[in-house]
């Protein structure tokens, strides 16, 4: 699933190509993704409007229009591609947003867990799906003191906390494992046992891992491609994720895996000891 670095990469790539242009039309080859696509609203309310900005909130992309806007989510396998001269659509090319210069943005989503939503007001972040999201991990609001407060009274592991979008947004399975490794904390560590200095290490890990992943264009393990159809390259820098049974780059120990919430986590038992 595309996580914060992948969505941020696409936002940064699309923004200069979209801002200032008008939406000429929509082409719908499928009207049902994770939820029904609001075809009538997009045709009647979004068409003809000028694009003011493309922003990210968590794993959502927010296309800000003169009045209201469109919210995209890439689901498990979706990608938004910009096409200067769009070729014939493929099997999984479900929606085209046609622009005033003849180009288009095409949503490709093989598994169809993505979403296109309409919201009539500003800010788009007031949409019910976004209004209760947690702090942005690369913002000033994400600091040791804030995470210590958010974790107060929580009986969950550090990995579960990082992946809880109501606490911190945009961090999924891959990056949670990598952040815990950078912070030298066990992903199964109960958050109740972490002090301010531990949370400051977590924040440093968040900033290091996510910033590096964005610089590398995200992580491509299977499906992910950016707005130009290119893969990310951060998978070449993964320290523990997907490396079970291999030597730890830091201490030489053996990386292990475990199941939690139906997903596999990764850690080095030599570097990441559960605190007493």
Protein backbone atom coordinates (compact mmCIF):
# COMPACT_ATOMS: atom_id res chain seq x y z
CA UNK A 1 0.00 0.00 0.00
CA UNK A 2 1.37 3.47 -0.83
CA UNK A 3 2.35 5.19 2.42
CA UNK A 4 3.27 8.80 3.17
CA UNK A 5 6.54 8.90 1.14
CA UNK A 6 4.87 7.45 -1.96
CA UNK A 7 1.88 9.81 -1.75
CA UNK A 8 4.18 12.78 -1.07
CA UNK A 9 6.32 11.83 -4.08
CA UNK A 10 3.28 11.80 -6.36
CA UNK A 11 2.00 15.10 -4.93
CA UNK A 12 5.32 16.83 -5.51
CA UNK A 13 5.54 15.45 -9.02
CA UNK A 14 1.99 16.34 -10.05
CA UNK A 15 1.68 19.73 -8.40
CA UNK A 16 3.63 21.83 -10.95
CA UNK A 17 1.85 20.01 -13.77
CA UNK A 18 -1.66 20.72 -12.43
CA UNK A 19 -1.77 24.01 -10.54
CA UNK A 20 -3.31 26.80 -12.59
CA UNK A 21 -5.01 24.51 -15.10
CA UNK A 22 -8.74 23.92 -15.44
CA UNK A 23 -10.57 20.61 -15.36
CA UNK A 24 -12.19 20.16 -18.78
CA UNK A 25 -13.95 16.84 -18.31
CA UNK A 26 -13.99 13.47 -16.58
CA UNK A 27 -13.94 10.04 -18.18
CA UNK A 28 -15.32 7.23 -16.01
CA UNK A 29 -14.73 3.61 -17.03
CA UNK A 30 -15.73 2.40 -13.58
CA UNK A 31 -17.95 4.17 -11.06
CA UNK A 32 -17.28 1.96 -8.03
CA UNK A 33 -13.93 1.70 -6.27
CA UNK A 34 -13.71 1.36 -2.50
CA UNK A 35 -16.80 3.58 -2.44
CA UNK A 36 -19.04 4.81 -5.26
CA UNK A 37 -17.37 7.59 -7.25
CA UNK A 38 -19.44 10.83 -7.06
CA UNK A 39 -19.83 11.04 -10.83
CA UNK A 40 -22.58 13.67 -10.86
CA UNK A 41 -20.77 16.00 -8.44
CA UNK A 42 -17.49 15.75 -10.34
CA UNK A 43 -19.18 16.37 -13.68
CA UNK A 44 -21.34 19.24 -12.49
CA UNK A 45 -19.28 20.88 -9.74
CA UNK A 46 -15.61 20.10 -10.39
CA UNK A 47 -15.61 20.46 -14.18
CA UNK A 48 -14.59 23.93 -15.34
CA UNK A 49 -12.87 24.82 -12.10
CA UNK A 50 -9.25 25.94 -11.84
CA UNK A 51 -6.84 23.88 -9.74
CA UNK A 52 -5.38 25.99 -6.93
CA UNK A 53 -3.20 23.43 -5.16
CA UNK A 54 -2.43 19.75 -4.67
CA UNK A 55 -1.83 18.89 -1.03
CA UNK A 56 -1.33 15.78 1.07
CA UNK A 57 -3.02 14.84 4.34
CA UNK A 58 -1.82 11.49 5.63
CA UNK A 59 -2.20 9.10 2.69
CA UNK A 60 -4.80 11.28 0.97
CA UNK A 61 -4.19 13.74 -1.88
CA UNK A 62 -6.28 16.89 -1.84
CA UNK A 63 -6.96 18.67 -5.13
CA UNK A 64 -7.99 22.17 -4.05
CA UNK A 65 -10.32 23.93 -6.50
CA UNK A 66 -11.82 27.40 -6.49
CA UNK A 67 -14.86 25.97 -4.72
CA UNK A 68 -14.42 22.73 -2.85
CA UNK A 69 -12.17 20.03 -4.21
CA UNK A 70 -11.45 16.39 -4.96
CA UNK A 71 -9.84 13.91 -2.55
CA UNK A 72 -7.89 10.93 -3.88
CA UNK A 73 -6.77 7.82 -2.02
CA UNK A 74 -4.58 5.23 -3.73
CA UNK A 75 -5.76 2.23 -1.71
CA UNK A 76 -3.60 -0.89 -2.05
CA UNK A 77 -2.28 -0.53 -5.57
CA UNK A 78 -3.46 2.78 -7.05
CA UNK A 79 -1.39 5.41 -8.81
CA UNK A 80 -2.19 8.78 -10.37
CA UNK A 81 -0.30 9.25 -13.62
CA UNK A 82 0.06 12.44 -15.60
CA UNK A 83 -0.17 11.89 -19.36
CA UNK A 84 0.71 14.67 -21.80
CA UNK A 85 -1.10 12.90 -24.62
CA UNK A 86 -3.14 10.06 -23.09
CA UNK A 87 -2.85 6.69 -24.84
CA UNK A 88 -5.80 4.25 -25.01
CA UNK A 89 -6.85 3.15 -21.54
CA UNK A 90 -5.75 -0.19 -20.17
CA UNK A 91 -7.72 -2.73 -18.18
CA UNK A 92 -7.09 -1.06 -14.81
CA UNK A 93 -7.31 2.58 -15.96
CA UNK A 94 -10.57 3.55 -14.29
CA UNK A 95 -10.82 7.37 -14.34
CA UNK A 96 -9.30 10.21 -16.39
CA UNK A 97 -9.36 13.84 -15.28
CA UNK A 98 -8.96 15.80 -18.51
CA UNK A 99 -7.19 19.16 -18.25
CA UNK A 100 -7.43 22.39 -20.19
CA UNK A 101 -4.11 21.87 -22.03
CA UNK A 102 -5.09 18.45 -23.41
CA UNK A 103 -3.19 16.45 -20.80
CA UNK A 104 -4.86 14.23 -18.23
CA UNK A 105 -4.41 12.62 -14.83
CA UNK A 106 -5.30 8.93 -14.97
CA UNK A 107 -6.18 6.77 -11.97
CA UNK A 108 -4.88 3.24 -12.40
CA UNK A 109 -5.94 0.85 -9.64
CA UNK A 110 -5.75 -2.92 -10.25
CA UNK A 111 -7.20 -3.91 -6.86
CA UNK A 112 -9.82 -1.13 -6.83
CA UNK A 113 -9.36 -0.20 -3.15
CA UNK A 114 -8.67 3.44 -4.02
CA UNK A 115 -11.14 6.28 -3.76
CA UNK A 116 -12.20 9.54 -5.38
CA UNK A 117 -14.29 11.82 -3.16
CA UNK A 118 -15.88 15.25 -3.58
CA UNK A 119 -15.97 17.83 -0.79
CA UNK A 120 -17.77 21.16 -1.41
CA UNK A 121 -16.02 23.27 1.22
CA UNK A 122 -12.60 24.56 2.24
CA UNK A 123 -10.51 23.24 3.85
CA UNK A 124 -10.78 19.79 2.32
CA UNK A 125 -9.25 18.38 5.50
CA UNK A 126 -12.65 18.91 7.16
CA UNK A 127 -14.00 15.92 5.24
CA UNK A 128 -15.24 13.30 7.76
CA UNK A 129 -12.55 10.83 6.67
CA UNK A 130 -9.81 13.36 7.36
CA UNK A 131 -11.10 15.48 10.23
CA UNK A 132 -9.93 13.13 12.97
CA UNK A 133 -6.55 12.14 11.57
CA UNK A 134 -3.48 12.43 13.79
CA UNK A 135 -0.40 14.62 13.54
CA UNK A 136 1.64 14.87 10.36
CA UNK A 137 4.92 13.09 11.12
CA UNK A 138 7.13 15.60 9.29
CA UNK A 139 5.47 18.67 10.82
CA UNK A 140 6.54 20.67 13.87
CA UNK A 141 3.51 19.21 15.66
CA UNK A 142 5.24 15.83 15.71
CA UNK A 143 7.73 16.11 18.56
CA UNK A 144 8.69 14.09 21.60
CA UNK A 145 6.37 15.94 23.97
CA UNK A 146 3.37 15.54 21.64
CA UNK A 147 3.91 11.81 21.12
CA UNK A 148 4.43 11.25 24.84
CA UNK A 149 1.06 12.91 25.48
CA UNK A 150 -0.68 11.02 22.65
CA UNK A 151 0.62 7.72 24.04
CA UNK A 152 -0.51 8.40 27.61
CA UNK A 153 -2.80 5.63 28.86
CA UNK A 154 -2.45 3.61 25.65
CA UNK A 155 -1.91 -0.14 26.03
CA UNK A 156 -0.43 -0.80 22.61
CA UNK A 157 2.98 -1.52 21.16
CA UNK A 158 5.19 1.11 19.56
CA UNK A 159 4.57 -0.38 16.12
CA UNK A 160 0.79 -0.31 16.62
CA UNK A 161 0.98 3.29 17.86
CA UNK A 162 2.96 4.46 14.82
CA UNK A 163 0.47 2.79 12.49
CA UNK A 164 -2.59 4.31 14.19
CA UNK A 165 -3.73 7.10 11.87
CA UNK A 166 -5.65 8.74 14.71
CA UNK A 167 -2.29 9.36 16.46
CA UNK A 168 0.23 9.77 13.63
CA UNK A 169 -0.72 9.74 9.95
CA UNK A 170 0.82 8.13 6.91
CA UNK A 171 3.06 5.49 8.53
CA UNK A 172 2.35 1.95 7.43
CA UNK A 173 3.97 -1.42 7.91
CA UNK A 174 7.23 -0.85 6.05
CA UNK A 175 8.13 2.46 7.63
CA UNK A 176 7.02 1.51 11.16
CA UNK A 177 9.61 -1.30 11.18
CA UNK A 178 12.31 1.00 9.81
CA UNK A 179 11.53 3.81 12.28
CA UNK A 180 11.70 1.46 15.26
CA UNK A 181 15.08 0.22 14.04
CA UNK A 182 16.44 3.74 13.64
CA UNK A 183 15.22 4.58 17.16
CA UNK A 184 16.82 1.35 18.51
CA UNK A 185 13.49 0.39 20.10
CA UNK A 186 11.67 -2.91 19.82
CA UNK A 187 8.50 -2.60 17.72
CA UNK A 188 6.64 -4.69 20.34
CA UNK A 189 7.70 -2.32 23.12
CA UNK A 190 4.64 -1.12 25.09
CA UNK A 191 4.37 2.65 24.66
CA UNK A 192 3.53 3.03 28.36
CA UNK A 193 7.18 2.26 29.13
CA UNK A 194 8.64 5.00 26.92
CA UNK A 195 10.04 8.24 28.32
CA UNK A 196 10.41 11.62 26.67
CA UNK A 197 13.95 10.78 25.56
CA UNK A 198 12.66 7.59 23.91
CA UNK A 199 9.99 9.54 22.04
CA UNK A 200 12.60 12.03 20.90
CA UNK A 201 14.50 9.09 19.40
CA UNK A 202 11.30 7.97 17.70
CA UNK A 203 10.78 11.45 16.23
CA UNK A 204 14.36 11.48 14.95
CA UNK A 205 13.73 8.06 13.37
CA UNK A 206 10.51 9.28 11.76
CA UNK A 207 12.23 12.28 10.23
CA UNK A 208 15.25 10.31 9.02
CA UNK A 209 13.33 7.40 7.50
CA UNK A 210 10.48 9.33 5.87
CA UNK A 211 12.74 12.08 4.51
CA UNK A 212 15.12 9.52 3.01
CA UNK A 213 12.22 7.57 1.49
CA UNK A 214 10.80 10.72 -0.11
CA UNK A 215 14.23 11.58 -1.51
CA UNK A 216 14.36 8.10 -3.09
CA UNK A 217 10.84 8.41 -4.53
CA UNK A 218 9.26 5.95 -2.09
CA UNK A 219 9.46 2.17 -1.83
CA UNK A 220 8.47 -0.23 -4.60
CA UNK A 221 8.06 -3.82 -3.44
CA UNK A 222 5.42 -4.82 -6.00
CA UNK A 223 2.85 -2.38 -7.40
CA UNK A 224 3.86 1.18 -6.57
CA UNK A 225 4.80 3.59 -9.39
CA UNK A 226 5.00 7.39 -9.28
CA UNK A 227 3.18 9.89 -11.51
CA UNK A 228 5.58 9.10 -14.36
CA UNK A 229 5.22 5.34 -14.01
CA UNK A 230 8.62 4.94 -12.34
CA UNK A 231 9.31 2.84 -9.22
CA UNK A 232 10.73 4.13 -5.96
CA UNK A 233 14.18 3.11 -4.80
CA UNK A 234 14.07 3.25 -0.99
CA UNK A 235 13.73 -0.55 -0.85
CA UNK A 236 17.49 -0.61 -1.51
CA UNK A 237 18.02 1.15 1.84
CA UNK A 238 15.69 -0.94 4.01
CA UNK A 239 17.49 -1.98 7.21
CA UNK A 240 15.13 -4.63 8.59
CA UNK A 241 11.88 -4.81 6.63
CA UNK A 242 11.74 -7.99 4.56
CA UNK A 243 15.18 -9.11 5.81
CA UNK A 244 14.24 -11.90 8.24
CA UNK A 245 17.10 -14.37 8.67
CA UNK A 246 19.68 -11.92 7.30
CA UNK A 247 22.43 -10.19 9.30
CA UNK A 248 21.71 -6.86 10.95
CA UNK A 249 23.65 -4.04 9.31
CA UNK A 250 24.30 -2.47 12.71
CA UNK A 251 25.32 -5.30 15.05
CA UNK A 252 25.62 -8.39 12.88
CA UNK A 253 22.81 -10.23 14.65
CA UNK A 254 20.01 -11.98 12.79
CA UNK A 255 16.91 -9.99 11.81
CA UNK A 256 13.68 -11.60 13.00
CA UNK A 257 10.04 -11.30 12.03
CA UNK A 258 6.79 -11.56 13.97
CA UNK A 259 3.07 -11.36 13.28
CA UNK A 260 0.95 -8.61 14.78
CA UNK A 261 -2.50 -7.62 13.61
CA UNK A 262 -2.18 -9.92 10.62
CA UNK A 263 0.95 -8.13 9.36
CA UNK A 264 4.63 -9.02 9.60
CA UNK A 265 6.96 -6.78 11.58
CA UNK A 266 10.75 -6.92 11.50
CA UNK A 267 13.43 -6.14 14.07
CA UNK A 268 16.90 -7.03 15.29
CA UNK A 269 16.73 -8.63 18.77
CA UNK A 270 20.30 -7.51 19.48
CA UNK A 271 19.73 -3.82 18.71
CA UNK A 272 16.09 -3.53 19.71
CA UNK A 273 15.60 -4.89 23.22
CA UNK A 274 12.25 -4.50 24.98
CA UNK A 275 12.73 -2.12 27.91
CA UNK A 276 11.86 -3.33 31.39
